[in-house]
N, C-alpha and C. Protein backbone atom coordinates (compact mmCIF):
# COMPACT_ATOMS: atom_id res chain seq x y z
N MET A 1 -77.54 38.06 -4.09
CA MET A 1 -78.21 38.18 -5.36
C MET A 1 -77.66 37.21 -6.40
N PHE A 2 -76.32 37.17 -6.55
CA PHE A 2 -75.70 36.26 -7.49
C PHE A 2 -74.89 35.22 -6.70
N THR A 3 -75.09 33.95 -7.05
CA THR A 3 -74.31 32.88 -6.40
C THR A 3 -73.50 32.08 -7.41
N THR A 4 -73.96 32.03 -8.65
CA THR A 4 -73.29 31.26 -9.69
C THR A 4 -73.18 32.11 -10.95
N ILE A 5 -71.94 32.42 -11.31
CA ILE A 5 -71.69 33.29 -12.46
C ILE A 5 -70.92 32.51 -13.51
N VAL A 6 -71.43 32.52 -14.74
CA VAL A 6 -70.76 31.88 -15.87
C VAL A 6 -70.06 32.96 -16.69
N VAL A 7 -68.78 32.71 -17.00
CA VAL A 7 -67.99 33.64 -17.81
C VAL A 7 -67.50 32.89 -19.04
N ALA A 8 -67.88 33.38 -20.21
CA ALA A 8 -67.43 32.78 -21.47
C ALA A 8 -66.11 33.44 -21.88
N LEU A 9 -65.10 32.62 -22.13
CA LEU A 9 -63.77 33.13 -22.43
C LEU A 9 -63.26 32.57 -23.76
N ASP A 10 -62.63 33.44 -24.55
CA ASP A 10 -62.02 32.99 -25.79
C ASP A 10 -60.59 33.51 -25.95
N GLY A 11 -60.06 34.17 -24.92
CA GLY A 11 -58.71 34.68 -24.98
C GLY A 11 -58.59 36.07 -25.58
N SER A 12 -59.70 36.65 -25.99
CA SER A 12 -59.68 38.00 -26.57
C SER A 12 -59.62 39.06 -25.48
N GLU A 13 -59.34 40.27 -25.90
CA GLU A 13 -59.33 41.42 -24.98
C GLU A 13 -60.69 41.59 -24.31
N TYR A 14 -61.75 41.36 -25.07
CA TYR A 14 -63.10 41.53 -24.52
C TYR A 14 -63.43 40.45 -23.50
N SER A 15 -62.95 39.24 -23.70
CA SER A 15 -63.21 38.20 -22.70
C SER A 15 -62.38 38.46 -21.44
N ASP A 16 -61.22 39.08 -21.58
CA ASP A 16 -60.44 39.49 -20.41
C ASP A 16 -61.22 40.53 -19.60
N ARG A 17 -61.85 41.45 -20.28
CA ARG A 17 -62.68 42.45 -19.60
C ARG A 17 -63.87 41.79 -18.91
N ALA A 18 -64.46 40.79 -19.58
CA ALA A 18 -65.58 40.06 -18.99
C ALA A 18 -65.14 39.38 -17.70
N LEU A 19 -63.97 38.77 -17.72
CA LEU A 19 -63.45 38.12 -16.52
C LEU A 19 -63.26 39.12 -15.39
N ASP A 20 -62.70 40.28 -15.70
CA ASP A 20 -62.50 41.30 -14.67
C ASP A 20 -63.83 41.73 -14.04
N LEU A 21 -64.83 41.95 -14.87
CA LEU A 21 -66.16 42.32 -14.35
C LEU A 21 -66.75 41.21 -13.49
N ALA A 22 -66.64 39.98 -13.98
CA ALA A 22 -67.19 38.85 -13.25
C ALA A 22 -66.49 38.65 -11.92
N MET A 23 -65.18 38.84 -11.89
CA MET A 23 -64.44 38.71 -10.64
C MET A 23 -64.89 39.75 -9.63
N ASP A 24 -65.10 40.97 -10.08
CA ASP A 24 -65.55 42.04 -9.20
C ASP A 24 -66.92 41.69 -8.59
N ILE A 25 -67.82 41.23 -9.42
CA ILE A 25 -69.16 40.85 -8.95
C ILE A 25 -69.08 39.64 -8.02
N ALA A 26 -68.27 38.66 -8.38
CA ALA A 26 -68.14 37.45 -7.56
C ALA A 26 -67.61 37.77 -6.17
N ARG A 27 -66.65 38.67 -6.09
CA ARG A 27 -66.12 39.06 -4.77
C ARG A 27 -67.18 39.76 -3.94
N LYS A 28 -67.95 40.62 -4.57
CA LYS A 28 -68.98 41.37 -3.82
C LYS A 28 -70.09 40.48 -3.30
N TYR A 29 -70.44 39.44 -4.06
CA TYR A 29 -71.56 38.58 -3.70
C TYR A 29 -71.12 37.19 -3.20
N ALA A 30 -69.82 36.97 -3.06
CA ALA A 30 -69.28 35.66 -2.68
C ALA A 30 -69.84 34.57 -3.60
N ALA A 31 -69.87 34.87 -4.88
CA ALA A 31 -70.40 33.95 -5.88
C ALA A 31 -69.28 33.07 -6.45
N LYS A 32 -69.66 31.92 -6.94
CA LYS A 32 -68.71 31.02 -7.59
C LYS A 32 -68.66 31.35 -9.08
N LEU A 33 -67.44 31.40 -9.62
CA LEU A 33 -67.25 31.64 -11.04
C LEU A 33 -67.09 30.32 -11.78
N HIS A 34 -67.80 30.18 -12.88
CA HIS A 34 -67.64 29.05 -13.78
C HIS A 34 -67.09 29.61 -15.08
N LEU A 35 -65.83 29.33 -15.33
CA LEU A 35 -65.15 29.83 -16.52
C LEU A 35 -65.31 28.79 -17.64
N ILE A 36 -65.79 29.26 -18.79
CA ILE A 36 -66.09 28.36 -19.90
C ILE A 36 -65.32 28.77 -21.14
N HIS A 37 -64.73 27.78 -21.78
CA HIS A 37 -64.16 27.96 -23.11
C HIS A 37 -64.78 26.90 -24.01
N VAL A 38 -65.23 27.32 -25.19
CA VAL A 38 -65.88 26.39 -26.11
C VAL A 38 -65.01 26.22 -27.35
N ASN A 39 -64.72 24.96 -27.66
CA ASN A 39 -64.05 24.62 -28.91
C ASN A 39 -65.14 24.37 -29.94
N ASN A 40 -65.10 25.08 -31.03
CA ASN A 40 -66.05 24.81 -32.10
C ASN A 40 -65.33 23.96 -33.13
N VAL A 41 -65.54 22.67 -33.04
CA VAL A 41 -64.82 21.72 -33.90
C VAL A 41 -65.09 21.98 -35.37
N GLN A 42 -66.28 22.43 -35.70
CA GLN A 42 -66.61 22.73 -37.10
C GLN A 42 -65.73 23.86 -37.61
N GLU A 43 -65.52 24.91 -36.81
CA GLU A 43 -64.64 26.00 -37.22
C GLU A 43 -63.21 25.52 -37.39
N ILE A 44 -62.77 24.66 -36.49
CA ILE A 44 -61.41 24.13 -36.57
C ILE A 44 -61.25 23.29 -37.83
N PHE A 45 -62.26 22.49 -38.13
CA PHE A 45 -62.25 21.65 -39.33
C PHE A 45 -62.10 22.52 -40.58
N ILE A 46 -62.85 23.60 -40.64
CA ILE A 46 -62.79 24.50 -41.79
C ILE A 46 -61.43 25.18 -41.86
N SER A 47 -60.90 25.62 -40.72
CA SER A 47 -59.62 26.32 -40.73
C SER A 47 -58.46 25.40 -41.12
N PHE A 48 -58.63 24.10 -40.92
CA PHE A 48 -57.62 23.14 -41.36
C PHE A 48 -57.88 22.66 -42.79
N GLY A 49 -58.77 23.31 -43.51
CA GLY A 49 -59.06 22.96 -44.89
C GLY A 49 -59.80 21.65 -45.04
N GLY A 50 -60.56 21.28 -44.02
CA GLY A 50 -61.35 20.06 -44.09
C GLY A 50 -60.56 18.79 -43.84
N ALA A 51 -59.36 18.92 -43.37
CA ALA A 51 -58.52 17.75 -43.15
C ALA A 51 -58.73 17.21 -41.74
N SER A 52 -59.92 16.67 -41.47
CA SER A 52 -60.27 16.24 -40.12
C SER A 52 -59.39 15.11 -39.62
N ALA A 53 -58.86 14.29 -40.49
CA ALA A 53 -58.01 13.18 -40.05
C ALA A 53 -56.73 13.71 -39.39
N LEU A 54 -56.35 14.93 -39.71
CA LEU A 54 -55.13 15.50 -39.15
C LEU A 54 -55.36 16.20 -37.81
N ILE A 55 -56.61 16.38 -37.43
CA ILE A 55 -56.93 17.13 -36.21
C ILE A 55 -57.18 16.14 -35.07
N LYS A 56 -56.36 16.24 -34.04
CA LYS A 56 -56.54 15.43 -32.85
C LYS A 56 -57.11 16.32 -31.75
N PRO A 57 -57.91 15.77 -30.86
CA PRO A 57 -58.48 16.59 -29.79
C PRO A 57 -57.43 17.40 -29.03
N GLU A 58 -56.28 16.82 -28.76
CA GLU A 58 -55.26 17.55 -28.01
C GLU A 58 -54.75 18.77 -28.79
N ASP A 59 -54.87 18.74 -30.13
CA ASP A 59 -54.43 19.88 -30.94
C ASP A 59 -55.35 21.08 -30.77
N TYR A 60 -56.66 20.84 -30.70
CA TYR A 60 -57.56 21.97 -30.59
C TYR A 60 -57.98 22.27 -29.15
N GLU A 61 -57.70 21.37 -28.23
CA GLU A 61 -58.06 21.62 -26.83
C GLU A 61 -57.00 22.42 -26.08
N LYS A 62 -55.76 22.32 -26.52
CA LYS A 62 -54.67 22.97 -25.79
C LYS A 62 -54.84 24.49 -25.65
N PRO A 63 -55.18 25.24 -26.70
CA PRO A 63 -55.37 26.68 -26.52
C PRO A 63 -56.45 27.01 -25.48
N GLY A 64 -57.54 26.26 -25.50
CA GLY A 64 -58.60 26.48 -24.51
C GLY A 64 -58.15 26.18 -23.10
N GLN A 65 -57.36 25.11 -22.96
CA GLN A 65 -56.83 24.77 -21.63
C GLN A 65 -55.95 25.89 -21.10
N GLU A 66 -55.15 26.48 -21.98
CA GLU A 66 -54.27 27.58 -21.58
C GLU A 66 -55.08 28.81 -21.18
N ILE A 67 -56.11 29.12 -21.96
CA ILE A 67 -56.98 30.27 -21.64
C ILE A 67 -57.63 30.06 -20.28
N LEU A 68 -58.16 28.87 -20.05
CA LEU A 68 -58.83 28.59 -18.78
C LEU A 68 -57.84 28.59 -17.61
N ALA A 69 -56.64 28.06 -17.81
CA ALA A 69 -55.65 28.03 -16.74
C ALA A 69 -55.24 29.44 -16.31
N LEU A 70 -54.99 30.30 -17.29
CA LEU A 70 -54.61 31.69 -16.97
C LEU A 70 -55.74 32.43 -16.27
N ALA A 71 -56.96 32.26 -16.78
CA ALA A 71 -58.11 32.94 -16.17
C ALA A 71 -58.38 32.41 -14.77
N SER A 72 -58.26 31.12 -14.59
CA SER A 72 -58.48 30.52 -13.28
C SER A 72 -57.45 31.02 -12.27
N GLN A 73 -56.20 31.08 -12.70
CA GLN A 73 -55.13 31.57 -11.83
C GLN A 73 -55.39 33.03 -11.43
N LYS A 74 -55.79 33.83 -12.38
CA LYS A 74 -56.07 35.24 -12.11
C LYS A 74 -57.22 35.37 -11.11
N ALA A 75 -58.29 34.62 -11.32
CA ALA A 75 -59.47 34.74 -10.45
C ALA A 75 -59.20 34.19 -9.05
N THR A 76 -58.51 33.07 -8.97
CA THR A 76 -58.24 32.51 -7.64
C THR A 76 -57.27 33.37 -6.86
N SER A 77 -56.34 34.03 -7.55
CA SER A 77 -55.40 34.92 -6.86
C SER A 77 -56.10 36.14 -6.27
N CYS A 78 -57.30 36.43 -6.79
CA CYS A 78 -58.10 37.55 -6.26
C CYS A 78 -59.13 37.07 -5.24
N GLY A 79 -59.05 35.80 -4.88
CA GLY A 79 -59.94 35.28 -3.85
C GLY A 79 -61.25 34.69 -4.34
N CYS A 80 -61.39 34.51 -5.64
CA CYS A 80 -62.63 33.94 -6.18
C CYS A 80 -62.57 32.42 -6.16
N VAL A 81 -63.73 31.82 -5.96
CA VAL A 81 -63.87 30.38 -6.08
C VAL A 81 -64.21 30.09 -7.54
N VAL A 82 -63.45 29.17 -8.15
CA VAL A 82 -63.52 28.98 -9.60
C VAL A 82 -63.67 27.51 -9.97
N ASP A 83 -64.45 27.28 -11.01
CA ASP A 83 -64.51 25.97 -11.66
C ASP A 83 -64.37 26.25 -13.15
N THR A 84 -63.67 25.36 -13.87
CA THR A 84 -63.47 25.58 -15.30
C THR A 84 -64.15 24.47 -16.10
N HIS A 85 -64.58 24.84 -17.31
CA HIS A 85 -65.28 23.92 -18.18
C HIS A 85 -64.81 24.16 -19.61
N GLN A 86 -64.28 23.12 -20.25
CA GLN A 86 -63.95 23.21 -21.66
C GLN A 86 -64.95 22.34 -22.41
N LEU A 87 -65.67 22.96 -23.33
CA LEU A 87 -66.76 22.30 -24.03
C LEU A 87 -66.51 22.31 -25.53
N ASP A 88 -67.23 21.46 -26.23
CA ASP A 88 -67.20 21.44 -27.69
C ASP A 88 -68.58 21.79 -28.22
N GLY A 89 -68.61 22.40 -29.41
CA GLY A 89 -69.89 22.68 -30.05
C GLY A 89 -70.04 24.13 -30.44
N ASP A 90 -71.26 24.48 -30.76
CA ASP A 90 -71.60 25.87 -31.07
C ASP A 90 -71.38 26.71 -29.81
N HIS A 91 -70.69 27.83 -29.95
CA HIS A 91 -70.31 28.64 -28.80
C HIS A 91 -71.52 29.02 -27.94
N ALA A 92 -72.49 29.67 -28.52
CA ALA A 92 -73.63 30.16 -27.75
C ALA A 92 -74.42 29.01 -27.14
N ARG A 93 -74.71 27.99 -27.92
CA ARG A 93 -75.51 26.86 -27.42
C ARG A 93 -74.80 26.14 -26.27
N ALA A 94 -73.49 25.95 -26.40
CA ALA A 94 -72.73 25.27 -25.35
C ALA A 94 -72.75 26.08 -24.05
N VAL A 95 -72.57 27.39 -24.16
CA VAL A 95 -72.62 28.25 -22.97
C VAL A 95 -74.00 28.20 -22.34
N LEU A 96 -75.03 28.34 -23.15
CA LEU A 96 -76.40 28.33 -22.61
C LEU A 96 -76.77 26.99 -21.99
N ASP A 97 -76.33 25.90 -22.58
CA ASP A 97 -76.60 24.58 -21.99
C ASP A 97 -75.93 24.46 -20.63
N LYS A 98 -74.70 24.96 -20.50
CA LYS A 98 -73.99 24.91 -19.22
C LYS A 98 -74.65 25.84 -18.20
N VAL A 99 -75.10 27.00 -18.65
CA VAL A 99 -75.81 27.93 -17.76
C VAL A 99 -77.04 27.25 -17.16
N GLU A 100 -77.79 26.57 -17.99
CA GLU A 100 -78.99 25.87 -17.52
C GLU A 100 -78.62 24.73 -16.58
N ALA A 101 -77.59 23.97 -16.90
CA ALA A 101 -77.18 22.84 -16.06
C ALA A 101 -76.72 23.32 -14.68
N LEU A 102 -76.10 24.49 -14.64
CA LEU A 102 -75.59 25.03 -13.38
C LEU A 102 -76.63 25.88 -12.64
N SER A 103 -77.76 26.16 -13.28
CA SER A 103 -78.75 27.11 -12.73
C SER A 103 -78.07 28.44 -12.39
N ALA A 104 -77.29 28.93 -13.33
CA ALA A 104 -76.52 30.16 -13.11
C ALA A 104 -77.43 31.37 -12.95
N ASP A 105 -76.94 32.33 -12.18
CA ASP A 105 -77.66 33.57 -11.92
C ASP A 105 -77.28 34.69 -12.89
N LEU A 106 -76.10 34.58 -13.50
CA LEU A 106 -75.56 35.65 -14.33
C LEU A 106 -74.59 35.07 -15.35
N ILE A 107 -74.64 35.62 -16.56
CA ILE A 107 -73.68 35.28 -17.61
C ILE A 107 -72.91 36.55 -17.94
N VAL A 108 -71.58 36.44 -18.02
CA VAL A 108 -70.75 37.57 -18.40
C VAL A 108 -69.96 37.17 -19.64
N VAL A 109 -70.08 37.98 -20.69
CA VAL A 109 -69.39 37.71 -21.95
C VAL A 109 -68.79 39.00 -22.50
N GLY A 110 -67.81 38.85 -23.36
CA GLY A 110 -67.26 40.00 -24.06
C GLY A 110 -68.15 40.36 -25.24
N SER A 111 -68.13 41.62 -25.61
CA SER A 111 -68.98 42.05 -26.73
C SER A 111 -68.46 41.57 -28.06
N LYS A 112 -67.17 41.33 -28.15
CA LYS A 112 -66.56 40.82 -29.38
C LYS A 112 -65.52 39.81 -28.96
N GLY A 113 -65.22 38.91 -29.88
CA GLY A 113 -64.21 37.92 -29.56
C GLY A 113 -63.52 37.44 -30.80
N HIS A 114 -62.95 36.27 -30.69
CA HIS A 114 -62.26 35.66 -31.83
C HIS A 114 -63.29 34.89 -32.64
N SER A 115 -64.18 35.60 -33.28
CA SER A 115 -65.22 34.92 -34.05
C SER A 115 -64.75 34.73 -35.49
N ASP A 116 -65.48 33.91 -36.18
CA ASP A 116 -65.14 33.60 -37.57
C ASP A 116 -66.17 34.22 -38.51
N ILE A 117 -66.18 33.78 -39.71
CA ILE A 117 -67.11 34.31 -40.71
C ILE A 117 -68.56 34.06 -40.33
N SER A 118 -68.83 32.97 -39.58
CA SER A 118 -70.21 32.70 -39.17
C SER A 118 -70.73 33.79 -38.24
N GLY A 119 -69.83 34.42 -37.47
CA GLY A 119 -70.25 35.51 -36.60
C GLY A 119 -70.78 36.69 -37.40
N ILE A 120 -70.18 36.92 -38.55
CA ILE A 120 -70.63 38.01 -39.41
C ILE A 120 -71.97 37.65 -40.05
N LEU A 121 -72.09 36.42 -40.49
CA LEU A 121 -73.29 36.00 -41.21
C LEU A 121 -74.47 35.68 -40.28
N LEU A 122 -74.20 35.07 -39.15
CA LEU A 122 -75.26 34.56 -38.29
C LEU A 122 -75.47 35.37 -37.00
N GLY A 123 -74.59 36.27 -36.70
CA GLY A 123 -74.71 37.05 -35.48
C GLY A 123 -73.67 36.63 -34.47
N SER A 124 -73.34 37.54 -33.58
CA SER A 124 -72.29 37.27 -32.62
C SER A 124 -72.75 36.33 -31.52
N VAL A 125 -71.78 35.72 -30.86
CA VAL A 125 -72.07 34.83 -29.74
C VAL A 125 -72.76 35.59 -28.63
N SER A 126 -72.25 36.78 -28.30
CA SER A 126 -72.87 37.56 -27.22
C SER A 126 -74.32 37.93 -27.56
N HIS A 127 -74.58 38.22 -28.81
CA HIS A 127 -75.95 38.55 -29.24
C HIS A 127 -76.87 37.35 -29.04
N LYS A 128 -76.43 36.18 -29.47
CA LYS A 128 -77.25 34.97 -29.31
C LYS A 128 -77.49 34.66 -27.83
N ILE A 129 -76.43 34.77 -27.04
CA ILE A 129 -76.57 34.46 -25.62
C ILE A 129 -77.55 35.39 -24.94
N THR A 130 -77.45 36.69 -25.20
CA THR A 130 -78.35 37.63 -24.53
C THR A 130 -79.80 37.43 -24.93
N HIS A 131 -80.05 36.99 -26.15
CA HIS A 131 -81.43 36.78 -26.58
C HIS A 131 -82.03 35.48 -26.09
N LEU A 132 -81.20 34.50 -25.77
CA LEU A 132 -81.70 33.19 -25.39
C LEU A 132 -81.47 32.83 -23.92
N ALA A 133 -80.77 33.68 -23.20
CA ALA A 133 -80.39 33.36 -21.82
C ALA A 133 -81.57 33.30 -20.87
N PRO A 134 -81.52 32.36 -19.93
CA PRO A 134 -82.56 32.25 -18.91
C PRO A 134 -82.31 33.12 -17.69
N CYS A 135 -81.21 33.89 -17.72
CA CYS A 135 -80.85 34.73 -16.58
C CYS A 135 -80.24 36.04 -17.10
N PRO A 136 -79.96 36.98 -16.22
CA PRO A 136 -79.35 38.24 -16.67
C PRO A 136 -77.99 38.02 -17.32
N CYS A 137 -77.67 38.91 -18.26
CA CYS A 137 -76.39 38.88 -18.96
C CYS A 137 -75.72 40.22 -18.82
N LEU A 138 -74.40 40.18 -18.71
CA LEU A 138 -73.60 41.38 -18.67
C LEU A 138 -72.60 41.27 -19.80
N ILE A 139 -72.57 42.29 -20.66
CA ILE A 139 -71.66 42.29 -21.80
C ILE A 139 -70.55 43.30 -21.56
N ALA A 140 -69.32 42.80 -21.59
CA ALA A 140 -68.16 43.68 -21.39
C ALA A 140 -67.79 44.31 -22.71
N ARG A 141 -67.74 45.61 -22.75
CA ARG A 141 -67.37 46.35 -23.97
C ARG A 141 -65.95 46.84 -23.87
């Protein structure tokens, strides 16, 4: 039923739960996991007070690399086949674009994460993904 599962990770407790659910499903269906972390450069720019000249890619990519490395290690130790993707841009749009590129069968996300003020004003990433996804979504609560 499922062969390609995308898991959006941000290092939060909810994304850890999403990974656990996705691993369970991947093992049952022998599906490949695609672990995604999205850097939102605009959020980083705002959090640095607009000082974009001081922000180097390696500064904002390192936390995502660590999140993906830990998640990948956890999933592979449980026998899952894993690929990781670190992307830039709007969280929901980046995940959905990757889902379409991979022709994914399932998206697994946490219900809450490390969102910023835009999440309060514009809606959560999980909400956007579930409304725009081309495939089934599972939200870890």
